[in-house]
Amino acid sequence: MKIEVLGTGCARCNTTEEIVKQAVRDAGIEAEVVKVKDIREIAKYGVMVTPAVVVEGKLKSVGKIPELEEVLEWIKERSDHA
């Protein structure tokens, strides 16, 4: 599973990255967590406000820090479809 955290490195983006990493640990799954800082790459998703989270190519959150439980649900959804 690939999870991308879109953000330029602000505190909110860093917090989002930590929450995503914690969710991956809690879920006990193999996942690649990638930090995307390049504005052009972020814009390809149509994101204008960060942080944003993309799970397996699907945009899940934009402009807010997601709750741990939300990220766990996204992981579970993708795991169920794998």
N, C-alpha and C. Protein backbone atom coordinates (compact mmCIF):
# COMPACT_ATOMS: atom_id res chain seq x y z
N MET A 1 0.85 -1.17 0.00
CA MET A 1 0.00 0.00 0.00
C MET A 1 0.89 1.23 0.00
N LYS A 2 0.49 2.23 -0.77
CA LYS A 2 1.22 3.49 -0.82
C LYS A 2 0.32 4.61 -0.30
N ILE A 3 0.84 5.35 0.67
CA ILE A 3 0.12 6.49 1.24
C ILE A 3 1.01 7.71 1.06
N GLU A 4 0.45 8.74 0.43
CA GLU A 4 1.20 9.97 0.21
C GLU A 4 0.65 11.08 1.10
N VAL A 5 1.56 11.79 1.75
CA VAL A 5 1.20 12.97 2.53
C VAL A 5 1.67 14.16 1.71
N LEU A 6 0.73 14.98 1.27
CA LEU A 6 1.04 16.13 0.44
C LEU A 6 1.18 17.37 1.32
N GLY A 7 2.34 17.99 1.25
CA GLY A 7 2.56 19.19 2.04
C GLY A 7 3.98 19.68 1.91
N THR A 8 4.18 20.96 2.08
CA THR A 8 5.49 21.57 1.85
C THR A 8 6.41 21.51 3.06
N GLY A 9 5.97 20.96 4.16
CA GLY A 9 6.83 20.84 5.33
C GLY A 9 6.40 21.67 6.52
N CYS A 10 5.19 22.22 6.48
CA CYS A 10 4.68 23.01 7.60
C CYS A 10 4.39 22.08 8.79
N ALA A 11 4.17 22.67 9.94
CA ALA A 11 3.92 21.89 11.15
C ALA A 11 2.69 20.99 10.98
N ARG A 12 1.63 21.50 10.35
CA ARG A 12 0.41 20.71 10.14
C ARG A 12 0.69 19.51 9.23
N CYS A 13 1.53 19.71 8.23
CA CYS A 13 1.88 18.63 7.31
C CYS A 13 2.72 17.57 8.03
N ASN A 14 3.64 18.02 8.87
CA ASN A 14 4.47 17.09 9.63
C ASN A 14 3.62 16.29 10.62
N THR A 15 2.66 16.94 11.26
CA THR A 15 1.76 16.24 12.18
C THR A 15 0.95 15.20 11.43
N THR A 16 0.46 15.55 10.24
CA THR A 16 -0.30 14.61 9.42
C THR A 16 0.55 13.39 9.07
N GLU A 17 1.80 13.63 8.70
CA GLU A 17 2.71 12.52 8.37
C GLU A 17 2.88 11.58 9.57
N GLU A 18 3.04 12.15 10.76
CA GLU A 18 3.20 11.33 11.96
C GLU A 18 1.95 10.51 12.25
N ILE A 19 0.77 11.12 12.06
CA ILE A 19 -0.49 10.40 12.28
C ILE A 19 -0.61 9.24 11.30
N VAL A 20 -0.25 9.47 10.04
CA VAL A 20 -0.31 8.41 9.03
C VAL A 20 0.64 7.27 9.40
N LYS A 21 1.85 7.61 9.80
CA LYS A 21 2.82 6.58 10.19
C LYS A 21 2.32 5.79 11.41
N GLN A 22 1.71 6.49 12.37
CA GLN A 22 1.16 5.81 13.54
C GLN A 22 0.03 4.86 13.13
N ALA A 23 -0.82 5.30 12.21
CA ALA A 23 -1.93 4.46 11.74
C ALA A 23 -1.40 3.20 11.06
N VAL A 24 -0.36 3.34 10.27
CA VAL A 24 0.25 2.18 9.60
C VAL A 24 0.78 1.20 10.65
N ARG A 25 1.46 1.73 11.66
CA ARG A 25 1.96 0.87 12.74
C ARG A 25 0.80 0.18 13.47
N ASP A 26 -0.22 0.95 13.81
CA ASP A 26 -1.37 0.40 14.54
C ASP A 26 -2.10 -0.66 13.73
N ALA A 27 -2.17 -0.46 12.42
CA ALA A 27 -2.87 -1.41 11.55
C ALA A 27 -2.04 -2.66 11.30
N GLY A 28 -0.74 -2.57 11.57
CA GLY A 28 0.13 -3.72 11.38
C GLY A 28 0.27 -4.14 9.92
N ILE A 29 0.29 -3.16 9.02
CA ILE A 29 0.37 -3.47 7.59
C ILE A 29 1.70 -2.99 7.02
N GLU A 30 2.01 -3.49 5.84
CA GLU A 30 3.15 -3.00 5.07
C GLU A 30 2.65 -1.84 4.23
N ALA A 31 3.23 -0.68 4.41
CA ALA A 31 2.82 0.48 3.61
C ALA A 31 4.01 1.40 3.43
N GLU A 32 4.06 2.00 2.26
CA GLU A 32 5.07 3.00 1.96
C GLU A 32 4.43 4.36 2.21
N VAL A 33 4.98 5.11 3.15
CA VAL A 33 4.48 6.46 3.44
C VAL A 33 5.45 7.44 2.78
N VAL A 34 4.94 8.21 1.82
CA VAL A 34 5.77 9.12 1.04
C VAL A 34 5.34 10.55 1.31
N LYS A 35 6.31 11.40 1.61
CA LYS A 35 6.04 12.84 1.79
C LYS A 35 6.25 13.52 0.45
N VAL A 36 5.23 14.17 -0.08
CA VAL A 36 5.30 14.88 -1.36
C VAL A 36 5.34 16.37 -1.06
N LYS A 37 6.50 16.98 -1.33
CA LYS A 37 6.69 18.41 -1.02
C LYS A 37 6.65 19.29 -2.26
N ASP A 38 6.81 18.69 -3.44
CA ASP A 38 6.87 19.46 -4.69
C ASP A 38 5.49 20.02 -5.03
N ILE A 39 5.42 21.33 -5.15
CA ILE A 39 4.15 22.01 -5.42
C ILE A 39 3.49 21.50 -6.70
N ARG A 40 4.29 21.23 -7.72
CA ARG A 40 3.74 20.74 -8.99
C ARG A 40 3.10 19.36 -8.82
N GLU A 41 3.73 18.50 -8.04
CA GLU A 41 3.18 17.17 -7.79
C GLU A 41 1.89 17.27 -6.97
N ILE A 42 1.89 18.15 -5.99
CA ILE A 42 0.70 18.37 -5.16
C ILE A 42 -0.45 18.87 -6.03
N ALA A 43 -0.14 19.81 -6.92
CA ALA A 43 -1.16 20.39 -7.80
C ALA A 43 -1.77 19.37 -8.74
N LYS A 44 -1.02 18.33 -9.09
CA LYS A 44 -1.55 17.28 -9.98
C LYS A 44 -2.78 16.60 -9.38
N TYR A 45 -2.90 16.62 -8.07
CA TYR A 45 -4.07 16.06 -7.40
C TYR A 45 -5.20 17.08 -7.26
N GLY A 46 -4.95 18.31 -7.74
CA GLY A 46 -5.95 19.36 -7.62
C GLY A 46 -6.00 19.96 -6.22
N VAL A 47 -4.99 19.72 -5.43
CA VAL A 47 -4.93 20.20 -4.05
C VAL A 47 -4.37 21.61 -4.02
N MET A 48 -5.11 22.51 -3.38
CA MET A 48 -4.67 23.89 -3.24
C MET A 48 -4.33 24.23 -1.79
N VAL A 49 -4.81 23.41 -0.86
CA VAL A 49 -4.57 23.64 0.56
C VAL A 49 -4.02 22.34 1.16
N THR A 50 -2.90 22.45 1.85
CA THR A 50 -2.32 21.27 2.50
C THR A 50 -2.53 21.37 4.00
N PRO A 51 -2.40 20.28 4.72
CA PRO A 51 -1.97 18.97 4.27
C PRO A 51 -3.08 18.21 3.54
N ALA A 52 -2.65 17.22 2.77
CA ALA A 52 -3.59 16.34 2.10
C ALA A 52 -3.04 14.92 2.19
N VAL A 53 -3.94 13.94 2.11
CA VAL A 53 -3.53 12.54 2.20
C VAL A 53 -4.12 11.79 1.01
N VAL A 54 -3.27 11.00 0.35
CA VAL A 54 -3.67 10.18 -0.78
C VAL A 54 -3.36 8.73 -0.43
N VAL A 55 -4.37 7.87 -0.50
CA VAL A 55 -4.19 6.44 -0.22
C VAL A 55 -4.42 5.67 -1.51
N GLU A 56 -3.36 4.99 -1.96
CA GLU A 56 -3.44 4.20 -3.19
C GLU A 56 -4.04 5.01 -4.35
N GLY A 57 -3.58 6.26 -4.48
CA GLY A 57 -4.01 7.10 -5.59
C GLY A 57 -5.33 7.82 -5.41
N LYS A 58 -6.01 7.58 -4.27
CA LYS A 58 -7.30 8.24 -4.01
C LYS A 58 -7.13 9.32 -2.95
N LEU A 59 -7.52 10.54 -3.30
CA LEU A 59 -7.45 11.67 -2.38
C LEU A 59 -8.46 11.46 -1.25
N LYS A 60 -7.97 11.47 -0.01
CA LYS A 60 -8.83 11.19 1.14
C LYS A 60 -9.07 12.39 2.05
N SER A 61 -8.13 13.32 2.08
CA SER A 61 -8.25 14.44 3.01
C SER A 61 -7.51 15.63 2.43
N VAL A 62 -8.11 16.83 2.58
CA VAL A 62 -7.49 18.06 2.08
C VAL A 62 -7.68 19.17 3.10
N GLY A 63 -6.60 19.88 3.43
CA GLY A 63 -6.68 21.09 4.22
C GLY A 63 -6.91 20.91 5.71
N LYS A 64 -6.76 19.67 6.20
CA LYS A 64 -6.93 19.47 7.64
C LYS A 64 -6.05 18.32 8.10
N ILE A 65 -5.81 18.30 9.38
CA ILE A 65 -5.07 17.18 9.97
C ILE A 65 -6.10 16.09 10.27
N PRO A 66 -5.95 14.92 9.65
CA PRO A 66 -6.94 13.85 9.87
C PRO A 66 -6.77 13.22 11.26
N GLU A 67 -7.85 12.70 11.77
CA GLU A 67 -7.80 11.96 13.03
C GLU A 67 -7.19 10.59 12.76
N LEU A 68 -6.52 10.03 13.75
CA LEU A 68 -5.93 8.70 13.63
C LEU A 68 -6.97 7.67 13.19
N GLU A 69 -8.17 7.75 13.75
CA GLU A 69 -9.23 6.79 13.43
C GLU A 69 -9.64 6.89 11.96
N GLU A 70 -9.64 8.10 11.40
CA GLU A 70 -9.96 8.29 9.99
C GLU A 70 -8.94 7.57 9.11
N VAL A 71 -7.67 7.76 9.42
CA VAL A 71 -6.61 7.15 8.62
C VAL A 71 -6.69 5.63 8.73
N LEU A 72 -6.95 5.13 9.92
CA LEU A 72 -7.11 3.67 10.08
C LEU A 72 -8.26 3.14 9.23
N GLU A 73 -9.34 3.90 9.14
CA GLU A 73 -10.49 3.50 8.32
C GLU A 73 -10.11 3.47 6.84
N TRP A 74 -9.36 4.48 6.38
CA TRP A 74 -8.92 4.51 4.98
C TRP A 74 -8.05 3.30 4.67
N ILE A 75 -7.16 2.97 5.60
CA ILE A 75 -6.28 1.81 5.41
C ILE A 75 -7.11 0.54 5.34
N LYS A 76 -8.08 0.42 6.23
CA LYS A 76 -8.93 -0.77 6.25
C LYS A 76 -9.72 -0.88 4.94
N GLU A 77 -10.26 0.24 4.46
CA GLU A 77 -11.01 0.24 3.19
C GLU A 77 -10.16 -0.30 2.06
N ARG A 78 -8.92 0.20 1.96
CA ARG A 78 -8.02 -0.22 0.87
C ARG A 78 -7.59 -1.66 1.06
N SER A 79 -7.39 -2.09 2.31
CA SER A 79 -6.98 -3.47 2.58
C SER A 79 -8.10 -4.43 2.20
N ASP A 80 -9.34 -4.03 2.43
CA ASP A 80 -10.49 -4.87 2.09
C ASP A 80 -10.63 -5.06 0.59
N HIS A 81 -10.16 -4.06 -0.19
CA HIS A 81 -10.29 -4.11 -1.64
C HIS A 81 -9.08 -4.71 -2.32
N ALA A 82 -8.05 -5.00 -1.55
CA ALA A 82 -6.80 -5.53 -2.14
C ALA A 82 -6.92 -6.99 -2.51
